[in-house]
C-alpha atoms as a PDB file:
ATOM      1  CA  MET A   1     116.752 107.898 -36.213  1.00  0.00           C
ATOM      2  CA  SER A   2     118.374 104.327 -35.198  1.00  0.00           C
ATOM      3  CA  THR A   3     119.372 104.008 -30.953  1.00  0.00           C
ATOM      4  CA  GLU A   4     122.127 104.944 -29.723  1.00  0.00           C
ATOM      5  CA  TRP A   5     123.815 102.296 -28.266  1.00  0.00           C
ATOM      6  CA  SER A   6     126.258 102.173 -25.680  1.00  0.00           C
ATOM      7  CA  ASP A   7     129.955 100.942 -25.385  1.00  0.00           C
ATOM      8  CA  ASN A   8     131.197  97.449 -25.182  1.00  0.00           C
ATOM      9  CA  VAL A   9     126.985  96.946 -24.444  1.00  0.00           C
ATOM     10  CA  THR A  10     126.209  92.766 -25.229  1.00  0.00           C
ATOM     11  CA  ASP A  11     122.533  92.324 -26.532  1.00  0.00           C
ATOM     12  CA  ARG A  12     122.458  88.790 -25.755  1.00  0.00           C
ATOM     13  CA  GLN A  13     119.067  88.199 -27.290  1.00  0.00           C
ATOM     14  CA  ALA A  14     120.457  88.460 -30.626  1.00  0.00           C
ATOM     15  CA  GLY A  15     124.307  87.513 -30.334  1.00  0.00           C
ATOM     16  CA  LEU A  16     125.743  90.653 -31.381  1.00  0.00           C
ATOM     17  CA  HIS A  17     128.456  92.258 -29.623  1.00  0.00           C
ATOM     18  CA  ILE A  18     127.878  96.520 -30.146  1.00  0.00           C
ATOM     19  CA  MET A  19     130.461  98.595 -29.422  1.00  0.00           C
ATOM     20  CA  LYS A  20     128.849 101.672 -31.020  1.00  0.00           C
ATOM     21  CA  ASN A  21     126.449 103.080 -32.994  1.00  0.00           C
ATOM     22  CA  PHE A  22     126.866 106.660 -34.697  1.00  0.00           C
ATOM     23  CA  SER A  23     124.670 106.915 -36.684  1.00  0.00           C
ATOM     24  CA  ARG A  24     124.124 110.331 -38.061  1.00  0.00           C
ATOM     25  CA  ARG A  25     126.307 111.136 -34.428  1.00  0.00           C
ATOM     26  CA  GLY A  26     130.436 112.283 -34.592  1.00  0.00           C
ATOM     27  CA  ASP A  27     132.690 111.384 -37.210  1.00  0.00           C
ATOM     28  CA  SER A  28     130.415 108.376 -38.859  1.00  0.00           C
ATOM     29  CA  ARG A  29     128.181 110.168 -40.569  1.00  0.00           C
ATOM     30  CA  PRO A  30     127.810 109.556 -44.034  1.00  0.00           C
ATOM     31  CA  GLY A  31     130.691 111.293 -45.235  1.00  0.00           C
ATOM     32  CA  HIS A  32     133.169 110.761 -42.548  1.00  0.00           C
ATOM     33  CA  ARG A  33     135.241 108.089 -41.359  1.00  0.00           C
ATOM     34  CA  ASN A  34     134.087 106.340 -38.331  1.00  0.00           C
ATOM     35  CA  ARG A  35     136.384 105.608 -35.260  1.00  0.00           C
ATOM     36  CA  PRO A  36     138.291 101.987 -35.599  1.00  0.00           C
ATOM     37  CA  SER A  37     137.164  99.460 -33.218  1.00  0.00           C
ATOM     38  CA  ASP A  38     139.718  97.437 -31.223  1.00  0.00           C
ATOM     39  CA  HIS A  39     138.602  93.979 -30.226  1.00  0.00           C
ATOM     40  CA  SER A  40     138.483  90.452 -29.752  1.00  0.00           C
ATOM     41  CA  ASP A  41     134.896  89.167 -29.127  1.00  0.00           C
ATOM     42  CA  ARG A  42     133.527  86.024 -31.044  1.00  0.00           C
ATOM     43  CA  GLY A  43     129.771  87.752 -31.751  1.00  0.00           C
ATOM     44  CA  PRO A  44     129.752  90.382 -34.274  1.00  0.00           C
ATOM     45  CA  SER A  45     130.044  93.464 -33.549  1.00  0.00           C
ATOM     46  CA  VAL A  46     128.142  97.130 -35.429  1.00  0.00           C
ATOM     47  CA  LEU A  47     130.291  99.827 -36.549  1.00  0.00           C
ATOM     48  CA  TYR A  48     128.079 102.020 -37.903  1.00  0.00           C
ATOM     49  CA  GLU A  49     124.286 101.522 -38.246  1.00  0.00           C
ATOM     50  CA  ASP A  50     121.382 103.992 -40.096  1.00  0.00           C
ATOM     51  CA  ASP A  51     118.021 104.323 -41.201  1.00  0.00           C
ATOM     52  CA  ALA A  52     119.312 102.121 -44.275  1.00  0.00           C
ATOM     53  CA  VAL A  53     122.526 100.494 -43.546  1.00  0.00           C
ATOM     54  CA  VAL A  54     124.412  98.234 -41.006  1.00  0.00           C
ATOM     55  CA  VAL A  55     128.421  97.035 -40.880  1.00  0.00           C
ATOM     56  CA  LEU A  56     129.041  94.825 -38.849  1.00  0.00           C
ATOM     57  CA  ASP A  57     132.974  93.506 -37.308  1.00  0.00           C
ATOM     58  CA  LYS A  58     132.168  89.823 -38.603  1.00  0.00           C
ATOM     59  CA  PRO A  59     134.538  87.309 -36.427  1.00  0.00           C
ATOM     60  CA  ALA A  60     136.665  84.696 -38.361  1.00  0.00           C
ATOM     61  CA  GLY A  61     134.543  81.302 -38.153  1.00  0.00           C
ATOM     62  CA  LEU A  62     130.777  82.949 -38.326  1.00  0.00           C
ATOM     63  CA  PRO A  63     129.411  82.719 -41.818  1.00  0.00           C
ATOM     64  CA  ALA A  64     128.682  85.864 -43.525  1.00  0.00           C
ATOM     65  CA  VAL A  65     124.881  83.840 -44.734  1.00  0.00           C
ATOM     66  CA  PRO A  66     123.790  80.341 -43.387  1.00  0.00           C
ATOM     67  CA  VAL A  67     125.032  77.591 -44.468  1.00  0.00           C
ATOM     68  CA  SER A  68     123.412  75.075 -46.283  1.00  0.00           C
ATOM     69  CA  GLY A  69     121.435  72.151 -44.316  1.00  0.00           C
ATOM     70  CA  SER A  70     122.640  74.023 -40.725  1.00  0.00           C
ATOM     71  CA  ASP A  71     120.922  75.630 -38.319  1.00  0.00           C
ATOM     72  CA  ALA A  72     124.566  77.302 -36.639  1.00  0.00           C
ATOM     73  CA  PRO A  73     124.538  80.993 -36.353  1.00  0.00           C
ATOM     74  CA  SER A  74     125.590  83.128 -38.998  1.00  0.00           C
ATOM     75  CA  ALA A  75     126.327  87.477 -39.547  1.00  0.00           C
ATOM     76  CA  LEU A  76     122.790  87.603 -41.423  1.00  0.00           C
ATOM     77  CA  SER A  77     121.193  85.287 -38.371  1.00  0.00           C
ATOM     78  CA  LEU A  78     121.897  87.425 -35.969  1.00  0.00           C
ATOM     79  CA  LEU A  79     121.524  90.686 -37.438  1.00  0.00           C
ATOM     80  CA  SER A  80     118.210  89.534 -38.675  1.00  0.00           C
ATOM     81  CA  ALA A  81     117.003  88.488 -34.892  1.00  0.00           C
ATOM     82  CA  ARG A  82     118.454  91.796 -33.226  1.00  0.00           C
ATOM     83  CA  LEU A  83     116.632  94.063 -36.121  1.00  0.00           C
ATOM     84  CA  LYS A  84     113.231  92.152 -36.003  1.00  0.00           C
ATOM     85  CA  ARG A  85     112.452  93.449 -32.685  1.00  0.00           C
ATOM     86  CA  ASN A  86     112.582  96.906 -34.192  1.00  0.00           C
ATOM     87  CA  ARG A  87     110.072  95.556 -37.381  1.00  0.00           C
ATOM     88  CA  GLN A  88     113.407  95.451 -39.677  1.00  0.00           C
ATOM     89  CA  ARG A  89     114.985  93.394 -42.101  1.00  0.00           C
ATOM     90  CA  ALA A  90     118.825  92.505 -43.084  1.00  0.00           C
ATOM     91  CA  TYR A  91     119.405  92.441 -46.753  1.00  0.00           C
ATOM     92  CA  VAL A  92     123.045  91.027 -47.584  1.00  0.00           C
ATOM     93  CA  VAL A  93     125.164  93.125 -49.977  1.00  0.00           C
ATOM     94  CA  HIS A  94     128.534  91.301 -50.600  1.00  0.00           C
ATOM     95  CA  ARG A  95     129.870  88.474 -48.558  1.00  0.00           C
ATOM     96  CA  ILE A  96     133.422  87.878 -46.482  1.00  0.00           C
ATOM     97  CA  ASP A  97     134.812  83.832 -46.269  1.00  0.00           C
ATOM     98  CA  ARG A  98     133.762  82.123 -43.370  1.00  0.00           C
ATOM     99  CA  PHE A  99     137.813  82.495 -41.705  1.00  0.00           C
ATOM    100  CA  THR A 100     138.347  86.209 -43.100  1.00  0.00           C
ATOM    101  CA  SER A 101     137.451  88.715 -40.291  1.00  0.00           C
ATOM    102  CA  GLY A 102     136.060  92.588 -40.879  1.00  0.00           C
ATOM    103  CA  ILE A 103     133.621  94.378 -42.139  1.00  0.00           C
ATOM    104  CA  LEU A 104     130.695  93.374 -43.579  1.00  0.00           C
ATOM    105  CA  LEU A 105     127.793  95.431 -44.875  1.00  0.00           C
ATOM    106  CA  PHE A 106     124.106  94.977 -44.839  1.00  0.00           C
ATOM    107  CA  ALA A 107     120.631  97.039 -46.521  1.00  0.00           C
ATOM    108  CA  LYS A 108     117.711  97.347 -44.045  1.00  0.00           C
ATOM    109  CA  THR A 109     115.294  97.461 -46.897  1.00  0.00           C
ATOM    110  CA  GLU A 110     115.583  96.011 -50.317  1.00  0.00           C
ATOM    111  CA  ALA A 111     115.742  99.306 -52.279  1.00  0.00           C
ATOM    112  CA  ASP A 112     118.848  99.688 -50.408  1.00  0.00           C
ATOM    113  CA  ARG A 113     120.104  96.409 -51.176  1.00  0.00           C
ATOM    114  CA  ASP A 114     119.917  96.928 -54.878  1.00  0.00           C
ATOM    115  CA  ILE A 115     121.597 100.178 -54.737  1.00  0.00           C
ATOM    116  CA  LEU A 116     124.052  99.112 -53.192  1.00  0.00           C
ATOM    117  CA  VAL A 117     124.441  95.650 -54.995  1.00  0.00           C
ATOM    118  CA  ARG A 118     124.952  97.542 -58.254  1.00  0.00           C
ATOM    119  CA  GLN A 119     127.501  99.193 -56.862  1.00  0.00           C
ATOM    120  CA  PHE A 120     129.998  95.832 -55.809  1.00  0.00           C
ATOM    121  CA  LEU A 121     128.699  94.449 -59.504  1.00  0.00           C
ATOM    122  CA  GLY A 122     130.218  97.721 -60.742  1.00  0.00           C
ATOM    123  CA  HIS A 123     133.471  97.629 -57.884  1.00  0.00           C
ATOM    124  CA  THR A 124     132.795 100.974 -57.401  1.00  0.00           C
ATOM    125  CA  PRO A 125     133.341 100.555 -53.014  1.00  0.00           C
ATOM    126  CA  MET A 126     136.534 100.325 -52.252  1.00  0.00           C
ATOM    127  CA  ARG A 127     137.084  97.269 -50.267  1.00  0.00           C
ATOM    128  CA  GLN A 128     140.775  97.075 -48.539  1.00  0.00           C
ATOM    129  CA  TYR A 129     141.892  93.659 -46.391  1.00  0.00           C
ATOM    130  CA  LEU A 130     145.060  93.205 -44.743  1.00  0.00           C
ATOM    131  CA  ALA A 131     146.891  89.739 -45.579  1.00  0.00           C
ATOM    132  CA  VAL A 132     149.596  88.382 -43.985  1.00  0.00           C
ATOM    133  CA  VAL A 133     151.543  86.534 -46.401  1.00  0.00           C
ATOM    134  CA  ARG A 134     154.477  84.774 -46.807  1.00  0.00           C
ATOM    135  CA  GLY A 135     158.112  85.523 -47.957  1.00  0.00           C
ATOM    136  CA  ARG A 136     159.131  89.208 -48.286  1.00  0.00           C
ATOM    137  CA  LEU A 137     157.499  90.233 -52.190  1.00  0.00           C
ATOM    138  CA  ALA A 138     160.034  91.917 -54.624  1.00  0.00           C
ATOM    139  CA  SER A 139     158.161  95.116 -54.992  1.00  0.00           C
ATOM    140  CA  ARG A 140     156.714  96.936 -52.526  1.00  0.00           C
ATOM    141  CA  GLU A 141     154.050  98.009 -54.457  1.00  0.00           C
ATOM    142  CA  GLY A 142     151.636  96.273 -57.066  1.00  0.00           C
ATOM    143  CA  THR A 143     149.372  95.351 -59.310  1.00  0.00           C
ATOM    144  CA  LEU A 144     148.371  91.562 -59.958  1.00  0.00           C
ATOM    145  CA  VAL A 145     145.799  90.209 -62.808  1.00  0.00           C
ATOM    146  CA  HIS A 146     144.659  86.480 -63.082  1.00  0.00           C
ATOM    147  CA  TYR A 147     142.035  84.821 -64.701  1.00  0.00           C
ATOM    148  CA  LEU A 148     139.790  82.457 -62.737  1.00  0.00           C
ATOM    149  CA  ARG A 149     137.337  80.023 -62.711  1.00  0.00           C
ATOM    150  CA  ARG A 150     135.151  78.402 -59.670  1.00  0.00           C
ATOM    151  CA  ASP A 151     135.173  74.774 -59.635  1.00  0.00           C
ATOM    152  CA  GLY A 152     132.772  73.986 -56.561  1.00  0.00           C
ATOM    153  CA  MET A 153     134.333  75.385 -53.480  1.00  0.00           C
ATOM    154  CA  PHE A 154     137.368  76.616 -55.284  1.00  0.00           C
ATOM    155  CA  GLN A 155     138.674  79.042 -57.540  1.00  0.00           C
ATOM    156  CA  THR A 156     140.907  77.943 -59.989  1.00  0.00           C
ATOM    157  CA  LEU A 157     143.750  79.366 -62.518  1.00  0.00           C
ATOM    158  CA  ARG A 158     142.729  80.127 -66.093  1.00  0.00           C
ATOM    159  CA  THR A 159     144.022  81.524 -69.151  1.00  0.00           C
ATOM    160  CA  GLU A 160     142.539  85.102 -70.656  1.00  0.00           C
ATOM    161  CA  SER A 161     141.705  83.470 -73.358  1.00  0.00           C
ATOM    162  CA  ASP A 162     139.437  80.659 -71.615  1.00  0.00           C
ATOM    163  CA  PRO A 163     135.410  82.475 -72.177  1.00  0.00           C
ATOM    164  CA  THR A 164     134.596  80.603 -68.630  1.00  0.00           C
ATOM    165  CA  ALA A 165     136.825  82.708 -66.551  1.00  0.00           C
ATOM    166  CA  ALA A 166     136.559  85.906 -65.000  1.00  0.00           C
ATOM    167  CA  ARG A 167     139.055  88.308 -64.555  1.00  0.00           C
ATOM    168  CA  ALA A 168     140.946  89.140 -61.090  1.00  0.00           C
ATOM    169  CA  GLU A 169     142.764  92.343 -60.495  1.00  0.00           C
ATOM    170  CA  LEU A 170     144.096  93.670 -57.480  1.00  0.00           C
ATOM    171  CA  ARG A 171     146.584  96.026 -56.087  1.00  0.00           C
ATOM    172  CA  TYR A 172     149.080  96.158 -53.364  1.00  0.00           C
ATOM    173  CA  ALA A 173     151.483  97.547 -50.494  1.00  0.00           C
ATOM    174  CA  VAL A 174     153.451  96.069 -48.191  1.00  0.00           C
ATOM    175  CA  GLU A 175     153.159  97.582 -44.500  1.00  0.00           C
ATOM    176  CA  ARG A 176     155.419  95.486 -42.966  1.00  0.00           C
ATOM    177  CA  PRO A 177     158.440  93.442 -43.465  1.00  0.00           C
ATOM    178  CA  LEU A 178     158.365  90.072 -40.846  1.00  0.00           C
ATOM    179  CA  ARG A 179     160.270  87.689 -40.503  1.00  0.00           C
ATOM    180  CA  GLY A 180     159.594  84.986 -43.525  1.00  0.00           C
ATOM    181  CA  ALA A 181     156.635  86.975 -44.459  1.00  0.00           C
ATOM    182  CA  SER A 182     154.717  89.977 -45.463  1.00  0.00           C
ATOM    183  CA  LEU A 183     152.045  92.524 -44.177  1.00  0.00           C
ATOM    184  CA  VAL A 184     150.035  93.751 -47.315  1.00  0.00           C
ATOM    185  CA  ARG A 185     147.549  95.951 -47.535  1.00  0.00           C
ATOM    186  CA  VAL A 186     145.175  94.514 -50.354  1.00  0.00           C
ATOM    187  CA  THR A 187     142.486  97.120 -52.580  1.00  0.00           C
ATOM    188  CA  LEU A 188     140.390  94.714 -54.413  1.00  0.00           C
ATOM    189  CA  VAL A 189     139.853  96.201 -57.742  1.00  0.00           C
ATOM    190  CA  THR A 190     137.223  92.881 -59.077  1.00  0.00           C
ATOM    191  CA  GLY A 191     135.569  91.326 -56.237  1.00  0.00           C
ATOM    192  CA  LEU A 192     135.955  86.758 -56.490  1.00  0.00           C
ATOM    193  CA  GLN A 193     135.243  84.853 -53.880  1.00  0.00           C
ATOM    194  CA  ASN A 194     138.704  83.851 -52.409  1.00  0.00           C
ATOM    195  CA  GLN A 195     140.151  85.852 -54.903  1.00  0.00           C
ATOM    196  CA  ILE A 196     143.347  87.541 -52.509  1.00  0.00           C
ATOM    197  CA  ARG A 197     143.898  83.974 -51.488  1.00  0.00           C
ATOM    198  CA  VAL A 198     144.581  82.381 -54.725  1.00  0.00           C
ATOM    199  CA  GLN A 199     146.225  85.571 -56.656  1.00  0.00           C
ATOM    200  CA  PHE A 200     149.182  85.537 -53.981  1.00  0.00           C
ATOM    201  CA  SER A 201     149.312  81.531 -53.714  1.00  0.00           C
ATOM    202  CA  ALA A 202     149.437  81.935 -57.865  1.00  0.00           C
ATOM    203  CA  ILE A 203     152.244  84.047 -57.347  1.00  0.00           C
ATOM    204  CA  GLY A 204     154.434  82.266 -54.526  1.00  0.00           C
ATOM    205  CA  HIS A 205     153.350  84.162 -51.598  1.00  0.00           C
ATOM    206  CA  PRO A 206     150.626  82.425 -50.240  1.00  0.00           C
ATOM    207  CA  VAL A 207     147.797  83.942 -47.501  1.00  0.00           C
ATOM    208  CA  VAL A 208     149.573  82.016 -44.289  1.00  0.00           C
ATOM    209  CA  GLY A 209     147.168  79.596 -42.341  1.00  0.00           C
ATOM    210  CA  ASP A 210     145.243  79.284 -45.891  1.00  0.00           C
ATOM    211  CA  ARG A 211     144.862  75.452 -45.310  1.00  0.00           C
ATOM    212  CA  LYS A 212     142.587  75.219 -48.925  1.00  0.00           C
ATOM    213  CA  TYR A 213     144.537  76.885 -51.302  1.00  0.00           C
ATOM    214  CA  HIS A 214     148.275  75.939 -49.762  1.00  0.00           C
ATOM    215  CA  PRO A 215     148.037  72.580 -47.684  1.00  0.00           C
ATOM    216  CA  GLU A 216     151.508  73.085 -46.640  1.00  0.00           C
ATOM    217  CA  GLU A 217     149.928  76.208 -44.239  1.00  0.00           C
ATOM    218  CA  ALA A 218     147.788  72.937 -41.867  1.00  0.00           C
ATOM    219  CA  SER A 219     151.544  73.399 -39.886  1.00  0.00           C
ATOM    220  CA  GLU A 220     150.755  76.813 -39.117  1.00  0.00           C
ATOM    221  CA  ARG A 221     150.182  76.682 -35.515  1.00  0.00           C
ATOM    222  CA  ARG A 222     150.568  80.623 -34.639  1.00  0.00           C
ATOM    223  CA  ILE A 223     146.990  81.755 -36.028  1.00  0.00           C
ATOM    224  CA  ALA A 224     144.107  78.894 -36.995  1.00  0.00           C
ATOM    225  CA  ARG A 225     142.934  80.401 -39.763  1.00  0.00           C
ATOM    226  CA  VAL A 226     143.755  82.451 -43.102  1.00  0.00           C
ATOM    227  CA  ALA A 227     145.176  85.631 -42.156  1.00  0.00           C
ATOM    228  CA  LEU A 228     143.398  88.160 -43.860  1.00  0.00           C
ATOM    229  CA  HIS A 229     141.101  91.049 -42.507  1.00  0.00           C
ATOM    230  CA  ALA A 230     138.697  92.865 -44.350  1.00  0.00           C
ATOM    231  CA  ALA A 231     139.746  96.645 -42.843  1.00  0.00           C
ATOM    232  CA  HIS A 232     138.352  99.157 -44.900  1.00  0.00           C
ATOM    233  CA  LEU A 233     135.039  99.629 -46.734  1.00  0.00           C
ATOM    234  CA  GLN A 234     133.909 103.098 -48.320  1.00  0.00           C
ATOM    235  CA  PHE A 235     130.803 102.785 -50.540  1.00  0.00           C
ATOM    236  CA  VAL A 236     128.230 105.915 -51.279  1.00  0.00           C
ATOM    237  CA  HIS A 237     125.365 105.604 -49.036  1.00  0.00           C
ATOM    238  CA  PRO A 238     121.695 104.805 -51.227  1.00  0.00           C
ATOM    239  CA  ARG A 239     119.344 107.383 -49.900  1.00  0.00           C
ATOM    240  CA  SER A 240     122.771 110.424 -48.983  1.00  0.00           C
ATOM    241  CA  GLY A 241     124.369 109.954 -52.379  1.00  0.00           C
ATOM    242  CA  GLU A 242     127.562 110.626 -49.817  1.00  0.00           C
ATOM    243  CA  SER A 243     130.470 108.863 -48.860  1.00  0.00           C
ATOM    244  CA  VAL A 244     130.431 106.746 -45.960  1.00  0.00           C
ATOM    245  CA  ALA A 245     134.412 105.393 -45.177  1.00  0.00           C
ATOM    246  CA  ILE A 246     134.423 102.142 -42.483  1.00  0.00           C
ATOM    247  CA  ASP A 247     137.538 101.781 -40.609  1.00  0.00           C
ATOM    248  CA  CYS A 248     137.710  97.965 -38.640  1.00  0.00           C
ATOM    249  CA  GLN A 249     140.928  97.310 -36.121  1.00  0.00           C
ATOM    250  CA  PRO A 250     142.171  93.705 -36.733  1.00  0.00           C
ATOM    251  CA  PRO A 251     141.559  90.837 -33.952  1.00  0.00           C
ATOM    252  CA  ALA A 252     143.755  89.788 -31.453  1.00  0.00           C
ATOM    253  CA  ASP A 253     144.847  86.323 -33.290  1.00  0.00           C
ATOM    254  CA  PHE A 254     145.866  88.295 -36.409  1.00  0.00           C
ATOM    255  CA  ARG A 255     147.304  91.133 -33.613  1.00  0.00           C
ATOM    256  CA  SER A 256     149.214  88.243 -32.555  1.00  0.00           C
ATOM    257  CA  LEU A 257     150.555  86.434 -35.203  1.00  0.00           C
ATOM    258  CA  ILE A 258     152.150  90.067 -36.586  1.00  0.00           C
ATOM    259  CA  GLN A 259     153.749  90.250 -32.880  1.00  0.00           C
ATOM    260  CA  ALA A 260     155.096  87.296 -33.144  1.00  0.00           C
ATOM    261  CA  LEU A 261     156.487  87.116 -36.671  1.00  0.00           C
ATOM    262  CA  SER A 262     157.807  90.710 -36.259  1.00  0.00           C
ATOM    263  CA  PRO A 263     161.528  90.918 -36.098  1.00  0.00           C
ATOM    264  CA  PRO A 264     163.267  91.518 -32.431  1.00  0.00           C
ATOM    265  CA  ALA A 265     163.637  95.622 -31.873  1.00  0.00           C
ATOM    266  CA  ARG A 266     167.134  96.675 -32.594  1.00  0.00           C
ATOM    267  CA  ALA A 267     169.129  97.568 -29.310  1.00  0.00           C
ATOM    268  CA  ARG A 268     170.078 101.340 -28.754  1.00  0.00           C
ATOM    269  CA  GLY A 269     173.806 102.546 -29.021  1.00  0.00           C
END
């Protein structure tokens, strides 16, 4: 069984901020939901851990895995350094963009990794993101389907008849209308790189701060990165076969953006 860490303890050697490990305790047992975190530290924190998996809250700006040709820290390198002291290893299951914050899942053994990767290839885990997009969407709920092909570091729009294109599908629900923008909850049906950013840009509602797919966002000053946060992950535990659901509150910069874009409260008569 994993060691339980106390709240808000910094693991300085590994560069990880441990909010709390609820392994096999409380509401974070497989089949239950974890307690959402709410912090603004620059280092990743552990949302959930047991003998098979580790779920991190990755801050925006930290790569999920090492960048080729660079020795800068990544979520993988920091977690690996921590687990090495217990003679454990970290294995990549999936990735989120460098400038996206939120939930990132790792396995501790190759066998657990392989089971989890098969789930992601089959699109069975529930992956939900919060995004702030420009404008008001035509409907409060909807489904977006596009066909994308990766060209270098970019995803480009293609047609369904293009044999080199991959189908990209997501569902969205507007959680809150904002001034000139909308807070939406996005559920991925597929999981292509940059999918959410490309699909919302394609319908004229780019993610706020997304300079990569919408250069006009370079003028955005209220947030210094893409306004995208991995908020919820639900997967089947590789050993118990039970459902594990993880929630992660947005960091301070995301919340500050929402506050800045929120319409003023109506005066009560």
